[in-house]
Every structure is written in structure tokens, then in C-alpha cells.
C-alpha atoms as a PDB file:
ATOM      1  CA  GLY A   1     147.149 108.516  57.255  1.00  0.00           C
ATOM      2  CA  ASN A   2     148.892 105.349  56.269  1.00  0.00           C
ATOM      3  CA  ARG A   3     152.646 105.583  55.992  1.00  0.00           C
ATOM      4  CA  THR A   4     155.651 103.787  54.445  1.00  0.00           C
ATOM      5  CA  LEU A   5     158.793 103.574  56.520  1.00  0.00           C
ATOM      6  CA  ALA A   6     162.187 104.129  54.892  1.00  0.00           C
ATOM      7  CA  ILE A   7     165.413 103.646  56.851  1.00  0.00           C
ATOM      8  CA  THR A   8     168.764 104.435  55.304  1.00  0.00           C
ATOM      9  CA  GLY A   9     172.420 104.237  56.298  1.00  0.00           C
ATOM     10  CA  LEU A  10     172.172 101.126  58.458  1.00  0.00           C
ATOM     11  CA  ILE A  11     175.225  99.086  59.334  1.00  0.00           C
ATOM     12  CA  LYS A  12     174.877  95.431  60.220  1.00  0.00           C
ATOM     13  CA  GLY A  13     174.328  95.191  63.962  1.00  0.00           C
ATOM     14  CA  ASP A  14     172.376  98.438  64.203  1.00  0.00           C
ATOM     15  CA  TYR A  15     169.183  98.502  66.245  1.00  0.00           C
ATOM     16  CA  GLY A  16     166.566 100.994  67.282  1.00  0.00           C
ATOM     17  CA  THR A  17     163.109 101.748  68.639  1.00  0.00           C
ATOM     18  CA  ILE A  18     160.253 103.709  67.099  1.00  0.00           C
ATOM     19  CA  GLU A  19     156.995 104.913  68.589  1.00  0.00           C
ATOM     20  CA  ILE A  20     153.940 104.581  66.335  1.00  0.00           C
ATOM     21  CA  TYR A  21     150.892 106.643  67.196  1.00  0.00           C
ATOM     22  CA  GLN A  22     147.465 106.167  65.696  1.00  0.00           C
ATOM     23  CA  ASP A  23     145.677 109.452  64.889  1.00  0.00           C
ATOM     24  CA  ASN A  24     142.162 110.161  66.167  1.00  0.00           C
ATOM     25  CA  ALA A  25     140.657 108.002  63.372  1.00  0.00           C
ATOM     26  CA  GLY A  26     142.751 104.878  64.166  1.00  0.00           C
ATOM     27  CA  SER A  27     143.212 101.847  61.913  1.00  0.00           C
ATOM     28  CA  ARG A  28     146.251 103.378  60.112  1.00  0.00           C
ATOM     29  CA  THR A  29     148.938 101.129  58.662  1.00  0.00           C
ATOM     30  CA  LEU A  30     152.731 101.281  58.469  1.00  0.00           C
ATOM     31  CA  THR A  31     154.477  99.600  55.597  1.00  0.00           C
ATOM     32  CA  LEU A  32     157.935  98.338  56.507  1.00  0.00           C
ATOM     33  CA  PRO A  33     161.032  98.462  54.273  1.00  0.00           C
ATOM     34  CA  SER A  34     161.143  95.670  51.711  1.00  0.00           C
ATOM     35  CA  GLY A  35     162.583  92.380  53.043  1.00  0.00           C
ATOM     36  CA  SER A  36     161.691  93.060  56.675  1.00  0.00           C
ATOM     37  CA  LEU A  37     160.837  90.193  58.961  1.00  0.00           C
ATOM     38  CA  VAL A  38     158.491  90.453  61.935  1.00  0.00           C
ATOM     39  CA  GLY A  39     158.674  88.223  65.039  1.00  0.00           C
ATOM     40  CA  ASN A  40     155.947  85.689  65.948  1.00  0.00           C
ATOM     41  CA  GLY A  41     155.045  84.937  62.345  1.00  0.00           C
ATOM     42  CA  GLY A  42     154.317  88.496  61.294  1.00  0.00           C
ATOM     43  CA  ALA A  43     155.154  87.767  57.638  1.00  0.00           C
ATOM     44  CA  GLY A  44     156.826  91.169  57.231  1.00  0.00           C
ATOM     45  CA  ILE A  45     153.776  93.125  58.467  1.00  0.00           C
ATOM     46  CA  LEU A  46     153.553  94.989  61.756  1.00  0.00           C
ATOM     47  CA  GLY A  47     150.041  94.377  63.070  1.00  0.00           C
ATOM     48  CA  LEU A  48     149.383  97.775  64.659  1.00  0.00           C
ATOM     49  CA  SER A  49     146.726  98.704  67.197  1.00  0.00           C
ATOM     50  CA  THR A  50     143.606  99.988  65.491  1.00  0.00           C
ATOM     51  CA  THR A  51     142.320 102.103  68.405  1.00  0.00           C
ATOM     52  CA  ALA A  52     142.285 105.847  67.909  1.00  0.00           C
ATOM     53  CA  ASN A  53     145.275 107.515  69.605  1.00  0.00           C
ATOM     54  CA  ALA A  54     146.903 104.195  70.526  1.00  0.00           C
ATOM     55  CA  LEU A  55     150.665 103.964  70.996  1.00  0.00           C
ATOM     56  CA  ASP A  56     152.616 100.981  69.689  1.00  0.00           C
ATOM     57  CA  ILE A  57     156.399 100.588  70.175  1.00  0.00           C
ATOM     58  CA  ALA A  58     158.440  98.715  67.602  1.00  0.00           C
ATOM     59  CA  THR A  59     162.080  97.628  67.867  1.00  0.00           C
ATOM     60  CA  PHE A  60     164.305  96.545  65.006  1.00  0.00           C
ATOM     61  CA  TYR A  61     167.685  94.827  64.600  1.00  0.00           C
ATOM     62  CA  TYR A  62     169.618  94.923  61.313  1.00  0.00           C
ATOM     63  CA  ASN A  63     171.144  91.459  61.328  1.00  0.00           C
ATOM     64  CA  HIS A  64     174.396  90.029  59.876  1.00  0.00           C
ATOM     65  CA  ASN A  65     172.542  89.142  56.681  1.00  0.00           C
ATOM     66  CA  GLY A  66     171.344  92.726  56.098  1.00  0.00           C
ATOM     67  CA  ILE A  67     167.730  91.959  57.097  1.00  0.00           C
ATOM     68  CA  LEU A  68     165.618  94.186  59.263  1.00  0.00           C
ATOM     69  CA  CYS A  69     164.070  92.096  62.024  1.00  0.00           C
ATOM     70  CA  TRP A  70     161.156  93.629  63.962  1.00  0.00           C
ATOM     71  CA  ASN A  71     159.235  93.119  67.215  1.00  0.00           C
ATOM     72  CA  ILE A  72     156.205  95.123  68.313  1.00  0.00           C
ATOM     73  CA  THR A  73     154.472  95.796  71.617  1.00  0.00           C
ATOM     74  CA  LYS A  74     150.986  97.181  71.115  1.00  0.00           C
ATOM     75  CA  ASN A  75     148.430  99.352  72.752  1.00  0.00           C
ATOM     76  CA  PHE A  76     150.151 101.479  75.363  1.00  0.00           C
ATOM     77  CA  ASN A  77     146.953 103.241  76.411  1.00  0.00           C
END
């Protein structure tokens, strides 16, 4: 189903990668932590693949202002 992501304990300069898999229904959503920014004008929303069983890979960087900055590469099928 749809999920909300919570990340705790970050220190400025931290970064990471997450894999996001759609289930066999597809079109699921992932809500990012409040205040997140997404590259390429994402307006704080990760536009995930909607295809059933799709794999998306998202990376984040916790910047010097304490903001989670995200990039996503979609549809590793």
C-alpha cells in the first residue's frame, strides 16, 4: 500500500539510497518527510513509477540547512 517515510537521527552531511518497489498492483505512493525537496522541480514529491513490480531508486542528502534533498531514478525493469 501507500507509505510514509520517516528518517531519524540524521546529521548534516548524511546521505543515503533507498530502493522503492511497487507491489503487484502498482501505482503506490511514498510520502517524504516534511520539508523534503526533490530535484528537477519535484515540489517535495517523489514521482514514482506506477507499473506493477517496478523498482525505483532514490538518493538523499541532508544538507547544511537541515533539509532532505532527493533525486530519483525510475523504472528499473
